[in-house]
Amino acid sequence: MAKVLLLNGSPHAHGCTAAALEEMIRVFSAEGIETELIQVGNQAIRGCVSCNACSKLGRCVINDDLVNQTAPKLEAADGLVVGSPVYYGSPNGTILAFLDRLFYSTPFSKHMKVGAAVVSCRRGGNTASFDVLNKYFTISGMPVASSTYWNQVHGFTAEDVKKDLEGLQTMRNLARNMTFLIRAIADAKQTRGLPEVERGAFTSFPDGK
């Protein structure tokens, strides 16, 4: 059975971001997709310290547990949904610290895992936050799932979000599109294999030219 891992970057386990993710989970369940929701935003997650110890250990050296506990779940998953509220026109700092360490410290390929970003806001900053989250997927060879509008909901409380009928519709369509992509990639992998990935070139201009 295909599996989607969902991360809630909000400190509120039952807030606006959760309302959006729960709408997706209902669709995934109806489609026969297994899901797991991890509450990230209420944890004490420090940022990456650029020690590069993970390149030798195969895991993050910082022992706050959640990043390293999530790593094998991401490896086993076919898709990843990252949800975050908007703080000053950007995603929550906790989810960014978590993603920096999760993506950098994990040695396994994320190639062709389907990614989707979901943001919640009262009024503005949504598309800027959406753009930041999508970059984790696009640097990792992960196809990005889209919907019938940008993947966002509006509201100050979870009850407000439940009134955002277009936002909830967007979440449902996103989950359906993500399900389709996961299945299509699985079918193509069996019949044709995954695309080749080149890794030889690494341009850093160390000579200053």
C-alpha atoms as a PDB file:
ATOM      1  CA  MET A   1       0.000   0.000   0.000  1.00  0.00           C
ATOM      2  CA  ALA A   2       1.263   3.469  -0.888  1.00  0.00           C
ATOM      3  CA  LYS A   3       2.017   5.767   2.032  1.00  0.00           C
ATOM      4  CA  VAL A   4       2.057   9.538   2.479  1.00  0.00           C
ATOM      5  CA  LEU A   5       3.872  11.184   5.363  1.00  0.00           C
ATOM      6  CA  LEU A   6       2.412  14.504   6.547  1.00  0.00           C
ATOM      7  CA  LEU A   7       4.271  17.047   8.695  1.00  0.00           C
ATOM      8  CA  ASN A   8       2.397  19.681  10.682  1.00  0.00           C
ATOM      9  CA  GLY A   9       4.720  22.626  11.218  1.00  0.00           C
ATOM     10  CA  SER A  10       2.244  24.527  13.365  1.00  0.00           C
ATOM     11  CA  PRO A  11       2.668  24.619  17.153  1.00  0.00           C
ATOM     12  CA  HIS A  12      -1.089  24.018  17.346  1.00  0.00           C
ATOM     13  CA  ALA A  13      -1.948  20.358  16.811  1.00  0.00           C
ATOM     14  CA  HIS A  14      -5.588  21.207  16.090  1.00  0.00           C
ATOM     15  CA  GLY A  15      -5.210  24.601  14.437  1.00  0.00           C
ATOM     16  CA  CYS A  16      -5.546  25.966  10.922  1.00  0.00           C
ATOM     17  CA  THR A  17      -2.772  23.906   9.341  1.00  0.00           C
ATOM     18  CA  ALA A  18      -4.145  20.739  10.922  1.00  0.00           C
ATOM     19  CA  ALA A  19      -7.590  21.456   9.473  1.00  0.00           C
ATOM     20  CA  ALA A  20      -6.083  21.598   5.979  1.00  0.00           C
ATOM     21  CA  LEU A  21      -4.051  18.412   6.449  1.00  0.00           C
ATOM     22  CA  GLU A  22      -7.027  16.551   7.917  1.00  0.00           C
ATOM     23  CA  GLU A  23      -9.028  17.356   4.777  1.00  0.00           C
ATOM     24  CA  MET A  24      -6.288  15.711   2.724  1.00  0.00           C
ATOM     25  CA  ILE A  25      -6.087  12.702   5.033  1.00  0.00           C
ATOM     26  CA  ARG A  26      -9.796  12.018   4.533  1.00  0.00           C
ATOM     27  CA  VAL A  27      -9.259  11.816   0.773  1.00  0.00           C
ATOM     28  CA  PHE A  28      -6.119   9.682   1.092  1.00  0.00           C
ATOM     29  CA  SER A  29      -8.032   7.273   3.312  1.00  0.00           C
ATOM     30  CA  ALA A  30     -10.889   7.022   0.808  1.00  0.00           C
ATOM     31  CA  GLU A  31      -8.324   6.361  -1.950  1.00  0.00           C
ATOM     32  CA  GLY A  32      -6.657   3.574   0.014  1.00  0.00           C
ATOM     33  CA  ILE A  33      -3.471   5.530   0.750  1.00  0.00           C
ATOM     34  CA  GLU A  34      -1.880   4.967   4.154  1.00  0.00           C
ATOM     35  CA  THR A  35      -1.013   8.152   6.046  1.00  0.00           C
ATOM     36  CA  GLU A  36       0.993   9.205   9.068  1.00  0.00           C
ATOM     37  CA  LEU A  37       0.850  12.694  10.553  1.00  0.00           C
ATOM     38  CA  ILE A  38       3.832  13.947  12.563  1.00  0.00           C
ATOM     39  CA  GLN A  39       3.432  16.995  14.786  1.00  0.00           C
ATOM     40  CA  VAL A  40       6.609  19.042  14.348  1.00  0.00           C
ATOM     41  CA  GLY A  41       5.720  22.619  15.208  1.00  0.00           C
ATOM     42  CA  ASN A  42       5.393  22.148  18.980  1.00  0.00           C
ATOM     43  CA  GLN A  43       8.806  20.486  19.338  1.00  0.00           C
ATOM     44  CA  ALA A  44      12.142  22.061  20.307  1.00  0.00           C
ATOM     45  CA  ILE A  45      14.032  21.653  17.026  1.00  0.00           C
ATOM     46  CA  ARG A  46      17.347  23.428  16.662  1.00  0.00           C
ATOM     47  CA  GLY A  47      18.705  24.355  13.269  1.00  0.00           C
ATOM     48  CA  CYS A  48      21.491  22.735  11.291  1.00  0.00           C
ATOM     49  CA  VAL A  49      24.959  23.671  12.609  1.00  0.00           C
ATOM     50  CA  SER A  50      26.774  22.692   9.394  1.00  0.00           C
ATOM     51  CA  CYS A  51      29.039  20.187  11.177  1.00  0.00           C
ATOM     52  CA  ASN A  52      28.643  17.697   8.301  1.00  0.00           C
ATOM     53  CA  ALA A  53      28.872  14.781  10.736  1.00  0.00           C
ATOM     54  CA  CYS A  54      25.804  13.272   9.032  1.00  0.00           C
ATOM     55  CA  SER A  55      27.916  12.488   5.964  1.00  0.00           C
ATOM     56  CA  LYS A  56      29.809   9.947   8.100  1.00  0.00           C
ATOM     57  CA  LEU A  57      27.076   8.865  10.509  1.00  0.00           C
ATOM     58  CA  GLY A  58      24.166   8.647   8.058  1.00  0.00           C
ATOM     59  CA  ARG A  59      22.010  10.568  10.529  1.00  0.00           C
ATOM     60  CA  CYS A  60      21.878  13.987  12.168  1.00  0.00           C
ATOM     61  CA  VAL A  61      24.299  14.354  15.067  1.00  0.00           C
ATOM     62  CA  ILE A  62      21.882  16.576  17.027  1.00  0.00           C
ATOM     63  CA  ASN A  63      20.025  14.373  19.490  1.00  0.00           C
ATOM     64  CA  ASP A  64      16.560  15.902  19.669  1.00  0.00           C
ATOM     65  CA  ASP A  65      15.268  12.579  18.256  1.00  0.00           C
ATOM     66  CA  LEU A  66      12.422  13.727  15.999  1.00  0.00           C
ATOM     67  CA  VAL A  67      14.518  14.313  12.874  1.00  0.00           C
ATOM     68  CA  ASN A  68      16.243  10.933  13.101  1.00  0.00           C
ATOM     69  CA  GLN A  69      12.999   9.167  14.011  1.00  0.00           C
ATOM     70  CA  THR A  70      11.281  10.670  10.976  1.00  0.00           C
ATOM     71  CA  ALA A  71      14.066   9.784   8.529  1.00  0.00           C
ATOM     72  CA  PRO A  72      13.166   6.082   8.044  1.00  0.00           C
ATOM     73  CA  LYS A  73       9.506   7.029   7.730  1.00  0.00           C
ATOM     74  CA  LEU A  74      10.347   9.421   4.906  1.00  0.00           C
ATOM     75  CA  GLU A  75      12.496   6.769   3.245  1.00  0.00           C
ATOM     76  CA  ALA A  76       9.560   4.333   3.278  1.00  0.00           C
ATOM     77  CA  ALA A  77       6.992   6.891   2.127  1.00  0.00           C
ATOM     78  CA  ASP A  78       5.861   7.474  -1.447  1.00  0.00           C
ATOM     79  CA  GLY A  79       4.876  11.076  -0.786  1.00  0.00           C
ATOM     80  CA  LEU A  80       5.504  13.917   1.636  1.00  0.00           C
ATOM     81  CA  VAL A  81       3.145  16.749   2.593  1.00  0.00           C
ATOM     82  CA  VAL A  82       4.627  19.650   4.548  1.00  0.00           C
ATOM     83  CA  GLY A  83       2.147  22.001   6.201  1.00  0.00           C
ATOM     84  CA  SER A  84       3.021  25.290   7.850  1.00  0.00           C
ATOM     85  CA  PRO A  85       1.399  28.476   9.087  1.00  0.00           C
ATOM     86  CA  VAL A  86       2.695  31.788   7.760  1.00  0.00           C
ATOM     87  CA  TYR A  87       4.901  33.754  10.158  1.00  0.00           C
ATOM     88  CA  TYR A  88       6.055  37.135   8.844  1.00  0.00           C
ATOM     89  CA  GLY A  89       5.620  36.038   5.241  1.00  0.00           C
ATOM     90  CA  SER A  90       7.536  32.772   5.700  1.00  0.00           C
ATOM     91  CA  PRO A  91       6.995  29.260   7.064  1.00  0.00           C
ATOM     92  CA  ASN A  92       7.305  28.573  10.785  1.00  0.00           C
ATOM     93  CA  GLY A  93      10.968  28.586  11.857  1.00  0.00           C
ATOM     94  CA  THR A  94      10.595  25.207  13.554  1.00  0.00           C
ATOM     95  CA  ILE A  95       9.513  23.421  10.398  1.00  0.00           C
ATOM     96  CA  LEU A  96      12.319  25.050   8.421  1.00  0.00           C
ATOM     97  CA  ALA A  97      14.931  23.932  10.964  1.00  0.00           C
ATOM     98  CA  PHE A  98      13.405  20.444  10.867  1.00  0.00           C
ATOM     99  CA  LEU A  99      13.407  20.249   7.064  1.00  0.00           C
ATOM    100  CA  ASP A 100      16.963  21.586   6.744  1.00  0.00           C
ATOM    101  CA  ARG A 101      18.245  18.810   8.961  1.00  0.00           C
ATOM    102  CA  LEU A 102      15.942  16.069   7.654  1.00  0.00           C
ATOM    103  CA  PHE A 103      16.753  16.643   4.003  1.00  0.00           C
ATOM    104  CA  TYR A 104      20.478  17.246   4.479  1.00  0.00           C
ATOM    105  CA  SER A 105      21.251  14.455   6.932  1.00  0.00           C
ATOM    106  CA  THR A 106      19.442  11.602   5.169  1.00  0.00           C
ATOM    107  CA  PRO A 107      21.649   9.619   2.759  1.00  0.00           C
ATOM    108  CA  PHE A 108      18.801   7.934   0.876  1.00  0.00           C
ATOM    109  CA  SER A 109      17.421   9.232  -2.409  1.00  0.00           C
ATOM    110  CA  LYS A 110      14.165  11.162  -2.409  1.00  0.00           C
ATOM    111  CA  HIS A 111      14.023  10.973  -6.192  1.00  0.00           C
ATOM    112  CA  MET A 112      10.448  10.587  -7.484  1.00  0.00           C
ATOM    113  CA  LYS A 113       8.805  10.767  -4.068  1.00  0.00           C
ATOM    114  CA  VAL A 114       5.861  13.128  -4.551  1.00  0.00           C
ATOM    115  CA  GLY A 115       5.986  16.346  -2.533  1.00  0.00           C
ATOM    116  CA  ALA A 116       3.323  18.889  -1.654  1.00  0.00           C
ATOM    117  CA  ALA A 117       3.473  22.063   0.422  1.00  0.00           C
ATOM    118  CA  VAL A 118       0.417  23.372   2.280  1.00  0.00           C
ATOM    119  CA  VAL A 119       0.278  26.783   3.955  1.00  0.00           C
ATOM    120  CA  SER A 120      -2.297  28.469   6.155  1.00  0.00           C
ATOM    121  CA  CYS A 121      -2.558  32.174   6.807  1.00  0.00           C
ATOM    122  CA  ARG A 122      -4.994  34.795   7.970  1.00  0.00           C
ATOM    123  CA  ARG A 123      -4.451  37.094   4.976  1.00  0.00           C
ATOM    124  CA  GLY A 124      -1.008  37.399   3.333  1.00  0.00           C
ATOM    125  CA  GLY A 125       2.391  35.770   2.967  1.00  0.00           C
ATOM    126  CA  ASN A 126       0.997  32.513   1.677  1.00  0.00           C
ATOM    127  CA  THR A 127       2.608  32.321  -1.755  1.00  0.00           C
ATOM    128  CA  ALA A 128       6.023  33.355  -0.417  1.00  0.00           C
ATOM    129  CA  SER A 129       5.823  30.591   2.200  1.00  0.00           C
ATOM    130  CA  PHE A 130       4.606  28.117  -0.420  1.00  0.00           C
ATOM    131  CA  ASP A 131       7.634  28.919  -2.561  1.00  0.00           C
ATOM    132  CA  VAL A 132      10.080  28.340   0.317  1.00  0.00           C
ATOM    133  CA  LEU A 133       8.659  24.896   1.126  1.00  0.00           C
ATOM    134  CA  ASN A 134       8.601  23.765  -2.502  1.00  0.00           C
ATOM    135  CA  LYS A 135      12.346  24.294  -2.788  1.00  0.00           C
ATOM    136  CA  TYR A 136      13.010  21.284  -0.537  1.00  0.00           C
ATOM    137  CA  PHE A 137      11.236  19.122  -3.114  1.00  0.00           C
ATOM    138  CA  THR A 138      12.680  20.634  -6.269  1.00  0.00           C
ATOM    139  CA  ILE A 139      16.310  20.292  -5.118  1.00  0.00           C
ATOM    140  CA  SER A 140      15.674  16.616  -4.317  1.00  0.00           C
ATOM    141  CA  GLY A 141      14.188  15.354  -7.583  1.00  0.00           C
ATOM    142  CA  MET A 142      10.712  15.150  -6.062  1.00  0.00           C
ATOM    143  CA  PRO A 143       7.745  15.822  -8.378  1.00  0.00           C
ATOM    144  CA  VAL A 144       5.601  18.590  -6.887  1.00  0.00           C
ATOM    145  CA  ALA A 145       1.856  17.992  -6.660  1.00  0.00           C
ATOM    146  CA  SER A 146      -0.424  20.893  -7.508  1.00  0.00           C
ATOM    147  CA  SER A 147      -4.141  21.551  -7.185  1.00  0.00           C
ATOM    148  CA  THR A 148      -6.839  23.796  -8.607  1.00  0.00           C
ATOM    149  CA  TYR A 149      -5.349  26.783  -6.755  1.00  0.00           C
ATOM    150  CA  TRP A 150      -2.210  27.360  -4.716  1.00  0.00           C
ATOM    151  CA  ASN A 151      -2.156  24.900  -1.823  1.00  0.00           C
ATOM    152  CA  GLN A 152      -3.399  27.232   0.892  1.00  0.00           C
ATOM    153  CA  VAL A 153      -6.214  27.852   3.331  1.00  0.00           C
ATOM    154  CA  HIS A 154      -7.250  31.069   5.028  1.00  0.00           C
ATOM    155  CA  GLY A 155      -8.407  31.700   8.565  1.00  0.00           C
ATOM    156  CA  PHE A 156      -7.394  32.772  12.045  1.00  0.00           C
ATOM    157  CA  THR A 157      -8.767  29.625  13.695  1.00  0.00           C
ATOM    158  CA  ALA A 158      -9.509  26.069  12.630  1.00  0.00           C
ATOM    159  CA  GLU A 159     -13.207  26.981  12.581  1.00  0.00           C
ATOM    160  CA  ASP A 160     -12.408  29.801  10.137  1.00  0.00           C
ATOM    161  CA  VAL A 161     -10.599  27.350   7.872  1.00  0.00           C
ATOM    162  CA  LYS A 162     -13.640  25.087   7.831  1.00  0.00           C
ATOM    163  CA  LYS A 163     -15.545  28.020   6.338  1.00  0.00           C
ATOM    164  CA  ASP A 164     -12.956  28.427   3.574  1.00  0.00           C
ATOM    165  CA  LEU A 165     -14.780  26.140   1.176  1.00  0.00           C
ATOM    166  CA  GLU A 166     -12.474  26.847  -1.753  1.00  0.00           C
ATOM    167  CA  GLY A 167      -9.417  26.225   0.400  1.00  0.00           C
ATOM    168  CA  LEU A 168     -10.760  22.862   1.565  1.00  0.00           C
ATOM    169  CA  GLN A 169     -11.676  22.002  -2.019  1.00  0.00           C
ATOM    170  CA  THR A 170      -8.097  22.794  -2.982  1.00  0.00           C
ATOM    171  CA  MET A 171      -6.860  20.379  -0.311  1.00  0.00           C
ATOM    172  CA  ARG A 172      -9.114  17.585  -1.570  1.00  0.00           C
ATOM    173  CA  ASN A 173      -8.035  18.089  -5.170  1.00  0.00           C
ATOM    174  CA  LEU A 174      -4.406  18.195  -4.052  1.00  0.00           C
ATOM    175  CA  ALA A 175      -4.771  14.842  -2.286  1.00  0.00           C
ATOM    176  CA  ARG A 176      -6.402  13.308  -5.365  1.00  0.00           C
ATOM    177  CA  ASN A 177      -3.688  14.638  -7.670  1.00  0.00           C
ATOM    178  CA  MET A 178      -1.004  13.425  -5.302  1.00  0.00           C
ATOM    179  CA  THR A 179      -2.593   9.973  -5.200  1.00  0.00           C
ATOM    180  CA  PHE A 180      -2.648   9.860  -9.000  1.00  0.00           C
ATOM    181  CA  LEU A 181       1.011  10.883  -9.272  1.00  0.00           C
ATOM    182  CA  ILE A 182       2.133   8.316  -6.699  1.00  0.00           C
ATOM    183  CA  ARG A 183       0.327   5.542  -8.550  1.00  0.00           C
ATOM    184  CA  ALA A 184       1.500   6.696 -11.978  1.00  0.00           C
ATOM    185  CA  ILE A 185       5.128   6.805 -10.832  1.00  0.00           C
ATOM    186  CA  ALA A 186       4.812   3.339  -9.271  1.00  0.00           C
ATOM    187  CA  ASP A 187       3.401   1.961 -12.536  1.00  0.00           C
ATOM    188  CA  ALA A 188       6.122   3.628 -14.625  1.00  0.00           C
ATOM    189  CA  LYS A 189       8.829   2.355 -12.279  1.00  0.00           C
ATOM    190  CA  GLN A 190       7.673  -1.214 -12.873  1.00  0.00           C
ATOM    191  CA  THR A 191       7.463  -0.924 -16.658  1.00  0.00           C
ATOM    192  CA  ARG A 192      10.266   1.501 -17.560  1.00  0.00           C
ATOM    193  CA  GLY A 193      12.249   2.195 -14.416  1.00  0.00           C
ATOM    194  CA  LEU A 194      13.021   5.581 -12.894  1.00  0.00           C
ATOM    195  CA  PRO A 195      14.857   8.366 -14.761  1.00  0.00           C
ATOM    196  CA  GLU A 196      18.646   8.308 -14.687  1.00  0.00           C
ATOM    197  CA  VAL A 197      20.212  10.757 -12.222  1.00  0.00           C
ATOM    198  CA  GLU A 198      23.592  12.325 -13.043  1.00  0.00           C
ATOM    199  CA  ARG A 199      25.777  13.357 -10.106  1.00  0.00           C
ATOM    200  CA  GLY A 200      29.221  13.969 -11.640  1.00  0.00           C
ATOM    201  CA  ALA A 201      29.329  17.766 -11.885  1.00  0.00           C
ATOM    202  CA  PHE A 202      29.602  19.982  -8.811  1.00  0.00           C
ATOM    203  CA  THR A 203      30.410  23.570  -9.753  1.00  0.00           C
ATOM    204  CA  SER A 204      31.634  25.758  -6.908  1.00  0.00           C
ATOM    205  CA  PHE A 205      34.200  28.004  -8.681  1.00  0.00           C
ATOM    206  CA  PRO A 206      36.917  27.456  -6.040  1.00  0.00           C
ATOM    207  CA  ASP A 207      39.473  29.280  -8.184  1.00  0.00           C
ATOM    208  CA  GLY A 208      37.343  32.435  -8.166  1.00  0.00           C
ATOM    209  CA  LYS A 209      36.915  32.492 -11.961  1.00  0.00           C
END
